[in-house]
Protein backbone atom coordinates (compact mmCIF):
# COMPACT_ATOMS: atom_id res chain seq x y z
CA MET A 1 -17.74 -10.31 -5.29
CA SER A 2 -15.30 -13.49 -3.57
CA PHE A 3 -12.26 -11.75 -2.31
CA ASN A 4 -9.46 -14.66 -2.09
CA GLU A 5 -7.82 -15.92 1.34
CA THR A 6 -4.79 -14.02 0.97
CA VAL A 7 -6.84 -11.01 0.51
CA LEU A 8 -8.72 -11.08 3.40
CA ARG A 9 -5.69 -11.57 5.38
CA PHE A 10 -4.66 -8.97 3.83
CA ALA A 11 -7.24 -6.73 4.29
CA ALA A 12 -8.42 -7.53 7.89
CA ALA A 13 -4.79 -7.08 8.77
CA THR A 14 -4.75 -4.04 11.46
CA ASN A 15 -0.44 -3.91 11.74
CA TRP A 16 -0.45 -0.51 8.98
CA ASP A 17 -3.25 0.93 9.42
CA GLY A 18 -3.88 4.54 10.24
CA PRO A 19 -1.43 7.52 10.25
CA LEU A 20 2.24 7.10 11.36
CA GLU A 21 3.69 9.90 13.71
CA GLY A 22 6.67 11.58 12.64
CA ALA A 23 6.52 10.33 9.33
CA THR A 24 9.92 11.70 6.86
CA HIS A 25 7.81 10.91 3.37
CA THR A 26 4.13 10.06 2.34
CA GLY A 27 2.27 10.22 -1.09
CA GLN A 28 -1.09 10.05 -1.71
CA VAL A 29 -3.39 9.47 -4.83
CA GLY A 30 -6.99 9.56 -4.90
CA VAL A 31 -8.85 12.39 -2.21
CA ARG A 32 -10.28 11.39 1.23
CA GLY A 33 -14.04 10.95 0.78
CA ASP A 34 -14.35 11.29 -2.79
CA GLY A 35 -14.29 7.73 -4.45
CA PRO A 36 -10.77 6.07 -4.60
CA TYR A 37 -7.82 7.21 -2.03
CA ILE A 38 -4.74 5.56 -0.81
CA LYS A 39 -2.22 7.39 1.47
CA PHE A 40 0.96 6.47 2.96
CA SER A 41 3.16 7.67 5.59
CA LEU A 42 6.44 5.34 5.85
CA THR A 43 9.59 6.84 8.23
CA LEU A 44 12.99 6.23 6.93
CA HIS A 45 16.56 5.56 8.03
CA GLU A 46 19.92 5.33 5.84
CA GLY A 47 17.59 4.98 2.98
CA THR A 48 15.78 1.63 4.49
CA VAL A 49 12.20 1.84 5.29
CA GLN A 50 12.27 1.79 8.52
CA CYS A 51 7.92 1.65 8.97
CA ALA A 52 5.63 2.05 6.47
CA ARG A 53 1.34 2.97 7.23
CA PHE A 54 -1.31 3.75 5.45
CA GLU A 55 -4.88 5.33 5.24
CA THR A 56 -7.58 4.53 2.82
CA TYR A 57 -11.12 3.30 2.20
CA THR A 58 -12.58 -0.16 3.39
CA CYS A 59 -12.55 -1.68 -0.19
CA PRO A 60 -11.40 -5.26 1.16
CA ALA A 61 -9.08 -4.76 -2.47
CA ALA A 62 -7.73 -1.56 -1.67
CA ARG A 63 -7.20 -2.47 2.31
CA ALA A 64 -5.26 -5.43 0.92
CA SER A 65 -3.59 -3.79 -1.42
CA CYS A 66 -2.17 -1.42 0.91
CA ALA A 67 -1.40 -3.68 3.22
CA VAL A 68 0.63 -6.04 1.17
CA VAL A 69 3.04 -2.77 -0.16
CA CYS A 70 3.81 -2.27 3.53
CA TRP A 71 4.26 -6.00 4.22
CA ALA A 72 6.32 -5.88 1.57
CA ILE A 73 8.49 -2.61 2.00
CA GLU A 74 9.55 -2.51 5.21
CA GLY A 75 13.64 -2.93 6.06
CA LYS A 76 13.75 -2.50 2.08
CA SER A 77 15.56 -0.16 0.63
CA ARG A 78 14.09 2.91 -1.31
CA GLU A 79 15.44 1.92 -4.01
CA LEU A 80 14.28 -1.58 -4.27
CA CYS A 81 10.23 0.34 -3.05
CA ALA A 82 10.65 2.44 -6.03
CA THR A 83 10.82 -0.54 -8.23
CA LEU A 84 7.30 -2.98 -7.01
CA SER A 85 5.39 -3.58 -8.87
CA ALA A 86 1.20 -3.28 -9.85
CA SER A 87 1.60 -7.17 -10.89
CA ASP A 88 4.47 -7.68 -8.08
CA LEU A 89 1.02 -7.02 -6.20
CA THR A 90 -1.14 -9.05 -7.93
CA VAL A 91 0.79 -12.05 -7.34
CA LEU A 92 2.07 -11.41 -3.83
CA LEU A 93 -2.45 -11.00 -2.51
CA ARG A 94 -2.84 -13.90 -5.10
CA GLY A 95 -4.91 -12.77 -6.85
CA LEU A 96 -7.84 -9.74 -7.15
CA PRO A 97 -11.80 -10.36 -8.62
CA GLU A 98 -12.29 -8.32 -12.32
CA GLY A 99 -12.90 -4.76 -11.37
CA LYS A 100 -10.16 -4.05 -8.74
CA ALA A 101 -7.03 -4.24 -11.17
CA HIS A 102 -6.92 -0.21 -10.79
CA LEU A 103 -6.36 -0.44 -6.79
CA PRO A 104 -2.70 -2.12 -6.70
CA GLU A 105 -1.97 0.63 -9.70
CA MET A 106 -2.89 2.98 -7.16
CA ALA A 107 -1.22 1.49 -3.83
CA VAL A 108 2.29 1.24 -6.36
CA GLU A 109 1.59 4.97 -7.62
CA ALA A 110 1.13 6.38 -4.03
CA LEU A 111 4.24 4.12 -2.27
CA ARG A 112 6.30 6.10 -5.56
CA LYS A 113 5.23 9.16 -4.61
CA ALA A 114 5.97 8.63 -1.06
CA VAL A 115 9.46 7.33 -1.88
CA SER A 116 10.45 10.28 -3.95
CA SER A 117 9.36 12.75 -1.37
């Protein structure tokens, strides 16, 4: 399986990786330790994402999908975040290998849960 340079760059980024102390909103899809798992923790102030962090497993496509979400939503309104789609993530990542399309979908689902919590 081959990942493009953009996916590898986002997968390796640690800017948004890990728990967020004082998060005001969280959204999770899957169960940690039991297959694909994605959790977003956000700090919102007056409807704007101030800080975003993710937790996931070690799959490069999962890490890249989560990192690109965080990159895309910081400084954006809750309403704008809710419009982000899996296809938007795939475009931002310049594609994912076959069999990995479920990861941007999971990331968007977890994000939507977070912004609506």
